[in-house]
Amino acid sequence: MINWPKTLIHEIVRRRCIFFLGAGVAASSKNAAGHRPKEWKEFLTQASSLVTLQANKEIITELIAQNKLLLALQAIASDADPADYQNLLNENFNDATFEPSDLHQVIFDLDSRLVITTNFDKIYEKICLRASTEGFKVIPYYSTSFGDELRSDTRLIIKAHGSIDDLQKMIFTKSQYHAAKENHSAFYSILKGLLLTNTCIFIGCGLDDPDVLLLLEDVKITASANRPHYALLREGSHNHYAKHDLLSCYNIKALEYGPSHADLVTDLTALLAEVDAVRAIP
């Protein structure tokens, strides 16, 4: 069970804490048939079937096994039929039958003003737009009004890799990462500023996004290590060397739940109780 740091609780209470949602949050959803969104390796394995040349397919399978996922996807996108590839993206990330999970609900109830996600789906948006009385705006990385919206009181869902709503602007492959950094440098400058001035909790993230890690490395050099960011990790998923690397290189402190994925919801529910108790004090 996570022993939540008091400083983190107060950061959430004051809405100075950003929630960063990864693929693990989307994977907690289900549809009526009990199916869940595919996790990365499962999706890539399915996508590799679009590659017809057997020799190339074998290389891609090896890349997936080596966890070189961005390169594997780049290869698939290059070799697959473009129409088939776009159909696959729609099938996996634009399925309206997936409903928000208990994990989505407790994240929503914690009520951060800023939520950043690398997910393309719209599952978290669904619960926000359906349940909130405050109003939310969804801001993709290429939005020209990002800076203005940050200065408003509006709650924001920041789509750091774009959305399934615009397939052409999804950051999905290695080349798309480089293009986004070149063409939308203002977004990354603002994102760095947010990480410098707020505490961030990574939930359901693999922590292998090259853009985010480079930004966190820069932030680590600039900021004090006395106020870390946090990553919620399943017990046993990272060895002590990996956790030390997160802290020493990126100022990310691991908070472990587990051993079951269901324990994450239990621990976040306990966090919500502590946050609500402080918010209730006049």
C-alpha atoms as a PDB file:
ATOM      1  CA  MET A   1       0.000   0.000   0.000  1.00  0.00           C
ATOM      2  CA  ILE A   2       1.311   3.435  -0.928  1.00  0.00           C
ATOM      3  CA  ASN A   3       2.191   5.787   1.906  1.00  0.00           C
ATOM      4  CA  TRP A   4       1.284   9.042   0.160  1.00  0.00           C
ATOM      5  CA  PRO A   5       3.723  11.922   0.832  1.00  0.00           C
ATOM      6  CA  LYS A   6       2.058  14.809   2.646  1.00  0.00           C
ATOM      7  CA  THR A   7       3.586  17.350   0.272  1.00  0.00           C
ATOM      8  CA  LEU A   8       2.042  15.504  -2.679  1.00  0.00           C
ATOM      9  CA  ILE A   9      -1.388  15.544  -1.018  1.00  0.00           C
ATOM     10  CA  HIS A  10      -1.148  19.309  -0.540  1.00  0.00           C
ATOM     11  CA  GLU A  11      -0.005  19.820  -4.141  1.00  0.00           C
ATOM     12  CA  ILE A  12      -3.116  17.953  -5.331  1.00  0.00           C
ATOM     13  CA  VAL A  13      -5.359  19.900  -2.946  1.00  0.00           C
ATOM     14  CA  ARG A  14      -4.003  23.187  -4.323  1.00  0.00           C
ATOM     15  CA  ARG A  15      -4.300  21.880  -7.891  1.00  0.00           C
ATOM     16  CA  ARG A  16      -0.580  22.290  -8.494  1.00  0.00           C
ATOM     17  CA  CYS A  17      -0.261  18.647  -9.464  1.00  0.00           C
ATOM     18  CA  ILE A  18      -0.496  17.441 -13.058  1.00  0.00           C
ATOM     19  CA  PHE A  19      -1.667  13.910 -13.810  1.00  0.00           C
ATOM     20  CA  PHE A  20       0.165  12.304 -16.728  1.00  0.00           C
ATOM     21  CA  LEU A  21      -1.839   9.370 -18.092  1.00  0.00           C
ATOM     22  CA  GLY A  22      -0.311   6.591 -20.168  1.00  0.00           C
ATOM     23  CA  ALA A  23      -1.535   3.518 -22.002  1.00  0.00           C
ATOM     24  CA  GLY A  24      -2.044   1.588 -18.765  1.00  0.00           C
ATOM     25  CA  VAL A  25      -4.939   3.881 -17.855  1.00  0.00           C
ATOM     26  CA  ALA A  26      -6.674   3.272 -21.192  1.00  0.00           C
ATOM     27  CA  ALA A  27      -6.098  -0.475 -20.801  1.00  0.00           C
ATOM     28  CA  SER A  28      -8.192  -0.473 -17.617  1.00  0.00           C
ATOM     29  CA  SER A  29     -11.350   0.155 -19.680  1.00  0.00           C
ATOM     30  CA  LYS A  30     -13.765  -2.501 -20.896  1.00  0.00           C
ATOM     31  CA  ASN A  31     -16.589  -2.711 -23.389  1.00  0.00           C
ATOM     32  CA  ALA A  32     -19.845  -4.629 -22.962  1.00  0.00           C
ATOM     33  CA  ALA A  33     -18.183  -7.821 -24.200  1.00  0.00           C
ATOM     34  CA  GLY A  34     -15.488  -7.536 -21.537  1.00  0.00           C
ATOM     35  CA  HIS A  35     -12.726  -6.696 -24.004  1.00  0.00           C
ATOM     36  CA  ARG A  36     -10.023  -4.162 -23.117  1.00  0.00           C
ATOM     37  CA  PRO A  37      -8.029  -1.805 -25.360  1.00  0.00           C
ATOM     38  CA  LYS A  38      -4.838  -3.445 -26.546  1.00  0.00           C
ATOM     39  CA  GLU A  39      -1.585  -2.619 -24.798  1.00  0.00           C
ATOM     40  CA  TRP A  40       1.369  -1.534 -26.922  1.00  0.00           C
ATOM     41  CA  LYS A  41       3.034  -4.850 -27.661  1.00  0.00           C
ATOM     42  CA  GLU A  42      -0.294  -6.524 -28.377  1.00  0.00           C
ATOM     43  CA  PHE A  43      -1.246  -3.717 -30.763  1.00  0.00           C
ATOM     44  CA  LEU A  44       2.122  -3.883 -32.544  1.00  0.00           C
ATOM     45  CA  THR A  45       1.880  -7.640 -32.919  1.00  0.00           C
ATOM     46  CA  GLN A  46      -1.522  -7.198 -34.561  1.00  0.00           C
ATOM     47  CA  ALA A  47      -0.250  -4.328 -36.712  1.00  0.00           C
ATOM     48  CA  SER A  48       2.710  -6.388 -37.939  1.00  0.00           C
ATOM     49  CA  SER A  49       0.222  -8.625 -39.773  1.00  0.00           C
ATOM     50  CA  LEU A  50      -0.223  -5.747 -42.228  1.00  0.00           C
ATOM     51  CA  VAL A  51       3.345  -6.283 -43.436  1.00  0.00           C
ATOM     52  CA  THR A  52       3.250  -8.761 -46.312  1.00  0.00           C
ATOM     53  CA  LEU A  53       6.959  -9.367 -46.873  1.00  0.00           C
ATOM     54  CA  GLN A  54       7.906 -12.211 -44.527  1.00  0.00           C
ATOM     55  CA  ALA A  55      11.532 -11.126 -44.075  1.00  0.00           C
ATOM     56  CA  ASN A  56      10.431  -7.650 -42.963  1.00  0.00           C
ATOM     57  CA  LYS A  57       7.775  -9.112 -40.676  1.00  0.00           C
ATOM     58  CA  GLU A  58      10.435 -11.204 -38.941  1.00  0.00           C
ATOM     59  CA  ILE A  59      12.603  -8.114 -38.381  1.00  0.00           C
ATOM     60  CA  ILE A  60       9.629  -6.256 -36.904  1.00  0.00           C
ATOM     61  CA  THR A  61       8.833  -9.189 -34.607  1.00  0.00           C
ATOM     62  CA  GLU A  62      12.408  -9.069 -33.360  1.00  0.00           C
ATOM     63  CA  LEU A  63      12.192  -5.300 -32.779  1.00  0.00           C
ATOM     64  CA  ILE A  64       9.057  -5.815 -30.698  1.00  0.00           C
ATOM     65  CA  ALA A  65      10.802  -8.531 -28.668  1.00  0.00           C
ATOM     66  CA  GLN A  66      13.709  -6.130 -28.063  1.00  0.00           C
ATOM     67  CA  ASN A  67      11.222  -3.458 -26.872  1.00  0.00           C
ATOM     68  CA  LYS A  68      12.215  -1.137 -29.724  1.00  0.00           C
ATOM     69  CA  LEU A  69       8.594  -0.221 -30.146  1.00  0.00           C
ATOM     70  CA  LEU A  70       8.898   3.131 -31.900  1.00  0.00           C
ATOM     71  CA  LEU A  71      11.194   1.674 -34.537  1.00  0.00           C
ATOM     72  CA  ALA A  72       8.892  -1.332 -34.964  1.00  0.00           C
ATOM     73  CA  LEU A  73       5.913   0.946 -35.547  1.00  0.00           C
ATOM     74  CA  GLN A  74       7.917   3.082 -37.968  1.00  0.00           C
ATOM     75  CA  ALA A  75       8.682  -0.055 -39.964  1.00  0.00           C
ATOM     76  CA  ILE A  76       5.042  -1.166 -39.944  1.00  0.00           C
ATOM     77  CA  ALA A  77       3.788   2.256 -41.040  1.00  0.00           C
ATOM     78  CA  SER A  78       6.337   2.306 -43.881  1.00  0.00           C
ATOM     79  CA  ASP A  79       5.540  -1.189 -45.185  1.00  0.00           C
ATOM     80  CA  ALA A  80       1.777  -1.484 -44.641  1.00  0.00           C
ATOM     81  CA  ASP A  81      -0.906  -0.400 -47.057  1.00  0.00           C
ATOM     82  CA  PRO A  82      -1.833   3.165 -45.948  1.00  0.00           C
ATOM     83  CA  ALA A  83      -5.590   2.529 -45.981  1.00  0.00           C
ATOM     84  CA  ASP A  84      -5.252  -0.707 -44.009  1.00  0.00           C
ATOM     85  CA  TYR A  85      -2.984   1.053 -41.522  1.00  0.00           C
ATOM     86  CA  GLN A  86      -5.475   3.883 -40.960  1.00  0.00           C
ATOM     87  CA  ASN A  87      -8.318   1.376 -40.551  1.00  0.00           C
ATOM     88  CA  LEU A  88      -6.310  -0.407 -37.879  1.00  0.00           C
ATOM     89  CA  LEU A  89      -5.731   2.846 -35.977  1.00  0.00           C
ATOM     90  CA  ASN A  90      -9.450   3.611 -36.051  1.00  0.00           C
ATOM     91  CA  GLU A  91     -10.370   0.123 -34.898  1.00  0.00           C
ATOM     92  CA  ASN A  92      -8.032   0.335 -31.910  1.00  0.00           C
ATOM     93  CA  PHE A  93      -8.296   3.956 -30.801  1.00  0.00           C
ATOM     94  CA  ASN A  94     -11.735   5.120 -31.907  1.00  0.00           C
ATOM     95  CA  ASP A  95     -13.931   2.468 -30.322  1.00  0.00           C
ATOM     96  CA  ALA A  96     -16.751   4.308 -28.568  1.00  0.00           C
ATOM     97  CA  THR A  97     -17.882   1.140 -26.780  1.00  0.00           C
ATOM     98  CA  PHE A  98     -15.034   1.316 -24.258  1.00  0.00           C
ATOM     99  CA  GLU A  99     -16.301   2.817 -21.022  1.00  0.00           C
ATOM    100  CA  PRO A 100     -14.259   4.693 -18.394  1.00  0.00           C
ATOM    101  CA  SER A 101     -13.067   2.417 -15.602  1.00  0.00           C
ATOM    102  CA  ASP A 102     -12.858   2.837 -11.829  1.00  0.00           C
ATOM    103  CA  LEU A 103      -9.309   4.075 -12.449  1.00  0.00           C
ATOM    104  CA  HIS A 104     -10.582   6.825 -14.762  1.00  0.00           C
ATOM    105  CA  GLN A 105     -13.212   7.731 -12.176  1.00  0.00           C
ATOM    106  CA  VAL A 106     -10.844   8.146  -9.234  1.00  0.00           C
ATOM    107  CA  ILE A 107      -8.438  10.205 -11.380  1.00  0.00           C
ATOM    108  CA  PHE A 108     -11.368  12.411 -12.353  1.00  0.00           C
ATOM    109  CA  ASP A 109     -12.482  12.729  -8.708  1.00  0.00           C
ATOM    110  CA  LEU A 110      -9.000  13.856  -7.642  1.00  0.00           C
ATOM    111  CA  ASP A 111      -9.775  16.892  -9.801  1.00  0.00           C
ATOM    112  CA  SER A 112      -6.506  18.101 -11.242  1.00  0.00           C
ATOM    113  CA  ARG A 113      -6.882  21.151 -13.430  1.00  0.00           C
ATOM    114  CA  LEU A 114      -4.295  19.837 -15.885  1.00  0.00           C
ATOM    115  CA  VAL A 115      -4.209  16.292 -17.223  1.00  0.00           C
ATOM    116  CA  ILE A 116      -1.634  15.355 -19.850  1.00  0.00           C
ATOM    117  CA  THR A 117      -2.012  12.144 -21.815  1.00  0.00           C
ATOM    118  CA  THR A 118      -0.114  10.394 -24.575  1.00  0.00           C
ATOM    119  CA  ASN A 119      -3.211   8.278 -25.327  1.00  0.00           C
ATOM    120  CA  PHE A 120      -5.021   8.778 -28.635  1.00  0.00           C
ATOM    121  CA  ASP A 121      -8.380   7.443 -27.446  1.00  0.00           C
ATOM    122  CA  LYS A 122     -11.136   9.583 -25.946  1.00  0.00           C
ATOM    123  CA  ILE A 123     -12.039   7.444 -22.943  1.00  0.00           C
ATOM    124  CA  TYR A 124     -10.917   9.908 -20.282  1.00  0.00           C
ATOM    125  CA  GLU A 125     -12.545  12.786 -22.166  1.00  0.00           C
ATOM    126  CA  LYS A 126     -15.798  10.804 -22.066  1.00  0.00           C
ATOM    127  CA  ILE A 127     -15.973  10.777 -18.283  1.00  0.00           C
ATOM    128  CA  CYS A 128     -14.896  14.429 -18.003  1.00  0.00           C
ATOM    129  CA  LEU A 129     -17.389  15.760 -20.499  1.00  0.00           C
ATOM    130  CA  ARG A 130     -20.168  13.571 -19.087  1.00  0.00           C
ATOM    131  CA  ALA A 131     -19.647  14.081 -15.354  1.00  0.00           C
ATOM    132  CA  SER A 132     -18.070  17.500 -14.919  1.00  0.00           C
ATOM    133  CA  THR A 133     -19.997  20.674 -14.149  1.00  0.00           C
ATOM    134  CA  GLU A 134     -16.836  22.778 -14.495  1.00  0.00           C
ATOM    135  CA  GLY A 135     -16.207  22.318 -18.219  1.00  0.00           C
ATOM    136  CA  PHE A 136     -13.159  20.826 -19.916  1.00  0.00           C
ATOM    137  CA  LYS A 137     -11.229  21.653 -23.050  1.00  0.00           C
ATOM    138  CA  VAL A 138      -9.160  19.153 -25.005  1.00  0.00           C
ATOM    139  CA  ILE A 139      -5.930  20.734 -26.257  1.00  0.00           C
ATOM    140  CA  PRO A 140      -3.705  18.848 -28.742  1.00  0.00           C
ATOM    141  CA  TYR A 141       0.031  19.540 -28.924  1.00  0.00           C
ATOM    142  CA  TYR A 142      -0.425  21.546 -32.141  1.00  0.00           C
ATOM    143  CA  SER A 143      -3.021  23.962 -30.690  1.00  0.00           C
ATOM    144  CA  THR A 144      -2.139  27.633 -31.186  1.00  0.00           C
ATOM    145  CA  SER A 145      -4.153  28.623 -28.100  1.00  0.00           C
ATOM    146  CA  PHE A 146      -2.344  26.368 -25.603  1.00  0.00           C
ATOM    147  CA  GLY A 147      -0.600  29.242 -23.798  1.00  0.00           C
ATOM    148  CA  ASP A 148      -3.794  31.298 -23.517  1.00  0.00           C
ATOM    149  CA  GLU A 149      -5.782  28.344 -22.189  1.00  0.00           C
ATOM    150  CA  LEU A 150      -3.180  27.705 -19.486  1.00  0.00           C
ATOM    151  CA  ARG A 151      -3.742  31.229 -18.182  1.00  0.00           C
ATOM    152  CA  SER A 152      -7.484  30.666 -17.929  1.00  0.00           C
ATOM    153  CA  ASP A 153      -9.391  28.790 -15.213  1.00  0.00           C
ATOM    154  CA  THR A 154     -10.514  26.068 -17.614  1.00  0.00           C
ATOM    155  CA  ARG A 155      -9.645  22.459 -16.841  1.00  0.00           C
ATOM    156  CA  LEU A 156      -7.526  21.078 -19.646  1.00  0.00           C
ATOM    157  CA  ILE A 157      -6.842  17.662 -21.125  1.00  0.00           C
ATOM    158  CA  ILE A 158      -3.568  18.070 -23.001  1.00  0.00           C
ATOM    159  CA  LYS A 159      -3.113  15.514 -25.774  1.00  0.00           C
ATOM    160  CA  ALA A 160       0.679  15.397 -25.996  1.00  0.00           C
ATOM    161  CA  HIS A 161       0.654  13.001 -28.960  1.00  0.00           C
ATOM    162  CA  GLY A 162      -2.527  14.156 -30.633  1.00  0.00           C
ATOM    163  CA  SER A 163      -5.849  12.369 -30.946  1.00  0.00           C
ATOM    164  CA  ILE A 164      -7.556   9.776 -33.072  1.00  0.00           C
ATOM    165  CA  ASP A 165      -9.719  12.702 -34.251  1.00  0.00           C
ATOM    166  CA  ASP A 166      -6.845  13.755 -36.537  1.00  0.00           C
ATOM    167  CA  LEU A 167      -4.917  10.735 -37.813  1.00  0.00           C
ATOM    168  CA  GLN A 168      -2.474  12.863 -39.779  1.00  0.00           C
ATOM    169  CA  LYS A 169      -1.267  14.639 -36.634  1.00  0.00           C
ATOM    170  CA  MET A 170      -0.908  11.665 -34.324  1.00  0.00           C
ATOM    171  CA  ILE A 171       2.636  11.291 -32.961  1.00  0.00           C
ATOM    172  CA  PHE A 172       3.081   7.588 -33.305  1.00  0.00           C
ATOM    173  CA  THR A 173       6.287   6.750 -35.167  1.00  0.00           C
ATOM    174  CA  LYS A 174       9.899   7.813 -34.737  1.00  0.00           C
ATOM    175  CA  SER A 175       9.773  10.232 -37.674  1.00  0.00           C
ATOM    176  CA  GLN A 176       6.588  11.808 -36.302  1.00  0.00           C
ATOM    177  CA  TYR A 177       8.362  12.476 -32.988  1.00  0.00           C
ATOM    178  CA  HIS A 178      11.108  14.374 -34.793  1.00  0.00           C
ATOM    179  CA  ALA A 179       8.653  16.310 -36.948  1.00  0.00           C
ATOM    180  CA  ALA A 180       6.591  17.373 -33.938  1.00  0.00           C
ATOM    181  CA  LYS A 181       9.659  18.629 -32.065  1.00  0.00           C
ATOM    182  CA  GLU A 182      10.737  20.630 -35.105  1.00  0.00           C
ATOM    183  CA  ASN A 183       7.347  22.063 -36.035  1.00  0.00           C
ATOM    184  CA  HIS A 184       5.810  22.600 -32.594  1.00  0.00           C
ATOM    185  CA  SER A 185       8.740  23.651 -30.432  1.00  0.00           C
ATOM    186  CA  ALA A 186       6.531  26.110 -28.505  1.00  0.00           C
ATOM    187  CA  PHE A 187       4.487  23.222 -27.115  1.00  0.00           C
ATOM    188  CA  TYR A 188       7.582  21.512 -25.752  1.00  0.00           C
ATOM    189  CA  SER A 189       8.833  24.765 -24.212  1.00  0.00           C
ATOM    190  CA  ILE A 190       5.512  25.224 -22.422  1.00  0.00           C
ATOM    191  CA  LEU A 191       5.490  21.572 -21.341  1.00  0.00           C
ATOM    192  CA  LYS A 192       8.948  22.007 -19.836  1.00  0.00           C
ATOM    193  CA  GLY A 193       7.684  25.061 -17.970  1.00  0.00           C
ATOM    194  CA  LEU A 194       4.777  23.057 -16.569  1.00  0.00           C
ATOM    195  CA  LEU A 195       7.129  20.331 -15.338  1.00  0.00           C
ATOM    196  CA  LEU A 196       9.338  22.981 -13.716  1.00  0.00           C
ATOM    197  CA  THR A 197       6.486  24.645 -11.841  1.00  0.00           C
ATOM    198  CA  ASN A 198       4.193  21.726 -10.967  1.00  0.00           C
ATOM    199  CA  THR A 199       4.443  18.285  -9.438  1.00  0.00           C
ATOM    200  CA  CYS A 200       3.599  15.540 -11.919  1.00  0.00           C
ATOM    201  CA  ILE A 201       2.227  12.048 -11.208  1.00  0.00           C
ATOM    202  CA  PHE A 202       2.742   9.488 -13.969  1.00  0.00           C
ATOM    203  CA  ILE A 203      -0.055   6.915 -13.997  1.00  0.00           C
ATOM    204  CA  GLY A 204      -0.057   3.906 -16.297  1.00  0.00           C
ATOM    205  CA  CYS A 205       3.067   5.146 -18.073  1.00  0.00           C
ATOM    206  CA  GLY A 206       5.942   3.067 -19.375  1.00  0.00           C
ATOM    207  CA  LEU A 207       8.239   6.068 -18.870  1.00  0.00           C
ATOM    208  CA  ASP A 208       9.943   5.418 -22.179  1.00  0.00           C
ATOM    209  CA  ASP A 209       8.586   8.421 -24.118  1.00  0.00           C
ATOM    210  CA  PRO A 210      11.782  10.048 -25.464  1.00  0.00           C
ATOM    211  CA  ASP A 211      10.276  13.553 -25.540  1.00  0.00           C
ATOM    212  CA  VAL A 212       9.121  13.408 -21.925  1.00  0.00           C
ATOM    213  CA  LEU A 213      12.390  11.915 -20.671  1.00  0.00           C
ATOM    214  CA  LEU A 214      14.468  14.589 -22.405  1.00  0.00           C
ATOM    215  CA  LEU A 215      12.296  17.308 -20.880  1.00  0.00           C
ATOM    216  CA  LEU A 216      12.520  15.732 -17.431  1.00  0.00           C
ATOM    217  CA  GLU A 217      16.295  15.474 -17.767  1.00  0.00           C
ATOM    218  CA  ASP A 218      16.452  19.217 -18.499  1.00  0.00           C
ATOM    219  CA  VAL A 219      14.083  19.948 -15.609  1.00  0.00           C
ATOM    220  CA  LYS A 220      16.202  17.807 -13.271  1.00  0.00           C
ATOM    221  CA  ILE A 221      19.267  19.908 -14.117  1.00  0.00           C
ATOM    222  CA  THR A 222      17.377  23.171 -13.539  1.00  0.00           C
ATOM    223  CA  ALA A 223      15.199  22.377 -10.500  1.00  0.00           C
ATOM    224  CA  SER A 224      15.812  21.187  -6.955  1.00  0.00           C
ATOM    225  CA  ALA A 225      15.656  17.460  -6.293  1.00  0.00           C
ATOM    226  CA  ASN A 226      13.846  18.097  -3.001  1.00  0.00           C
ATOM    227  CA  ARG A 227      10.495  18.152  -4.809  1.00  0.00           C
ATOM    228  CA  PRO A 228      10.354  15.132  -7.091  1.00  0.00           C
ATOM    229  CA  HIS A 229       7.788  14.027  -9.594  1.00  0.00           C
ATOM    230  CA  TYR A 230       6.166  10.652  -8.929  1.00  0.00           C
ATOM    231  CA  ALA A 231       5.492   7.504 -10.932  1.00  0.00           C
ATOM    232  CA  LEU A 232       2.959   4.928  -9.778  1.00  0.00           C
ATOM    233  CA  LEU A 233       4.535   1.549 -10.542  1.00  0.00           C
ATOM    234  CA  ARG A 234       3.286  -1.957  -9.940  1.00  0.00           C
ATOM    235  CA  GLU A 235       5.261  -3.778  -7.281  1.00  0.00           C
ATOM    236  CA  GLY A 236       8.053  -5.808  -8.866  1.00  0.00           C
ATOM    237  CA  SER A 237       7.732  -4.201 -12.316  1.00  0.00           C
ATOM    238  CA  HIS A 238      10.975  -2.230 -11.907  1.00  0.00           C
ATOM    239  CA  ASN A 239      14.140  -3.377 -10.144  1.00  0.00           C
ATOM    240  CA  HIS A 240      16.003  -1.130  -7.734  1.00  0.00           C
ATOM    241  CA  TYR A 241      18.516  -0.066 -10.403  1.00  0.00           C
ATOM    242  CA  ALA A 242      15.735   1.152 -12.678  1.00  0.00           C
ATOM    243  CA  LYS A 243      14.040   3.027  -9.818  1.00  0.00           C
ATOM    244  CA  HIS A 244      17.348   4.629  -8.838  1.00  0.00           C
ATOM    245  CA  ASP A 245      17.863   5.701 -12.463  1.00  0.00           C
ATOM    246  CA  LEU A 246      14.423   7.351 -12.544  1.00  0.00           C
ATOM    247  CA  LEU A 247      15.243   9.333  -9.424  1.00  0.00           C
ATOM    248  CA  SER A 248      18.843  10.243 -10.196  1.00  0.00           C
ATOM    249  CA  CYS A 249      18.393  11.114 -13.886  1.00  0.00           C
ATOM    250  CA  TYR A 250      14.821  12.415 -14.046  1.00  0.00           C
ATOM    251  CA  ASN A 251      13.855  13.250 -10.434  1.00  0.00           C
ATOM    252  CA  ILE A 252      10.976  10.763 -10.574  1.00  0.00           C
ATOM    253  CA  LYS A 253      10.284   8.948  -7.304  1.00  0.00           C
ATOM    254  CA  ALA A 254       8.637   5.544  -7.623  1.00  0.00           C
ATOM    255  CA  LEU A 255       5.559   4.847  -5.506  1.00  0.00           C
ATOM    256  CA  GLU A 256       4.725   1.151  -5.691  1.00  0.00           C
ATOM    257  CA  TYR A 257       1.274  -0.385  -5.510  1.00  0.00           C
ATOM    258  CA  GLY A 258       0.467  -4.009  -5.818  1.00  0.00           C
ATOM    259  CA  PRO A 259       0.999  -6.717  -6.504  1.00  0.00           C
ATOM    260  CA  SER A 260      -2.293  -6.540  -8.435  1.00  0.00           C
ATOM    261  CA  HIS A 261      -3.290  -3.813 -10.910  1.00  0.00           C
ATOM    262  CA  ALA A 262      -6.513  -3.494  -8.877  1.00  0.00           C
ATOM    263  CA  ASP A 263      -4.417  -2.246  -5.962  1.00  0.00           C
ATOM    264  CA  LEU A 264      -3.753   0.960  -7.899  1.00  0.00           C
ATOM    265  CA  VAL A 265      -7.429   1.926  -7.680  1.00  0.00           C
ATOM    266  CA  THR A 266      -7.460   1.034  -3.971  1.00  0.00           C
ATOM    267  CA  ASP A 267      -4.425   3.221  -3.279  1.00  0.00           C
ATOM    268  CA  LEU A 268      -5.730   6.133  -5.354  1.00  0.00           C
ATOM    269  CA  THR A 269      -9.078   5.888  -3.550  1.00  0.00           C
ATOM    270  CA  ALA A 270      -7.193   6.182  -0.251  1.00  0.00           C
ATOM    271  CA  LEU A 271      -5.366   9.210  -1.675  1.00  0.00           C
ATOM    272  CA  LEU A 272      -8.713  10.751  -2.673  1.00  0.00           C
ATOM    273  CA  ALA A 273      -9.981  10.361   0.899  1.00  0.00           C
ATOM    274  CA  GLU A 274      -6.937  12.207   2.228  1.00  0.00           C
ATOM    275  CA  VAL A 275      -7.273  14.945  -0.382  1.00  0.00           C
ATOM    276  CA  ASP A 276     -11.000  15.386   0.293  1.00  0.00           C
ATOM    277  CA  ALA A 277     -10.344  15.611   4.027  1.00  0.00           C
ATOM    278  CA  VAL A 278      -7.913  18.506   3.525  1.00  0.00           C
ATOM    279  CA  ARG A 279     -10.159  20.225   0.985  1.00  0.00           C
ATOM    280  CA  ALA A 280     -13.033  20.071   3.482  1.00  0.00           C
ATOM    281  CA  ILE A 281     -11.126  22.192   6.001  1.00  0.00           C
ATOM    282  CA  PRO A 282     -12.353  25.803   5.759  1.00  0.00           C
END
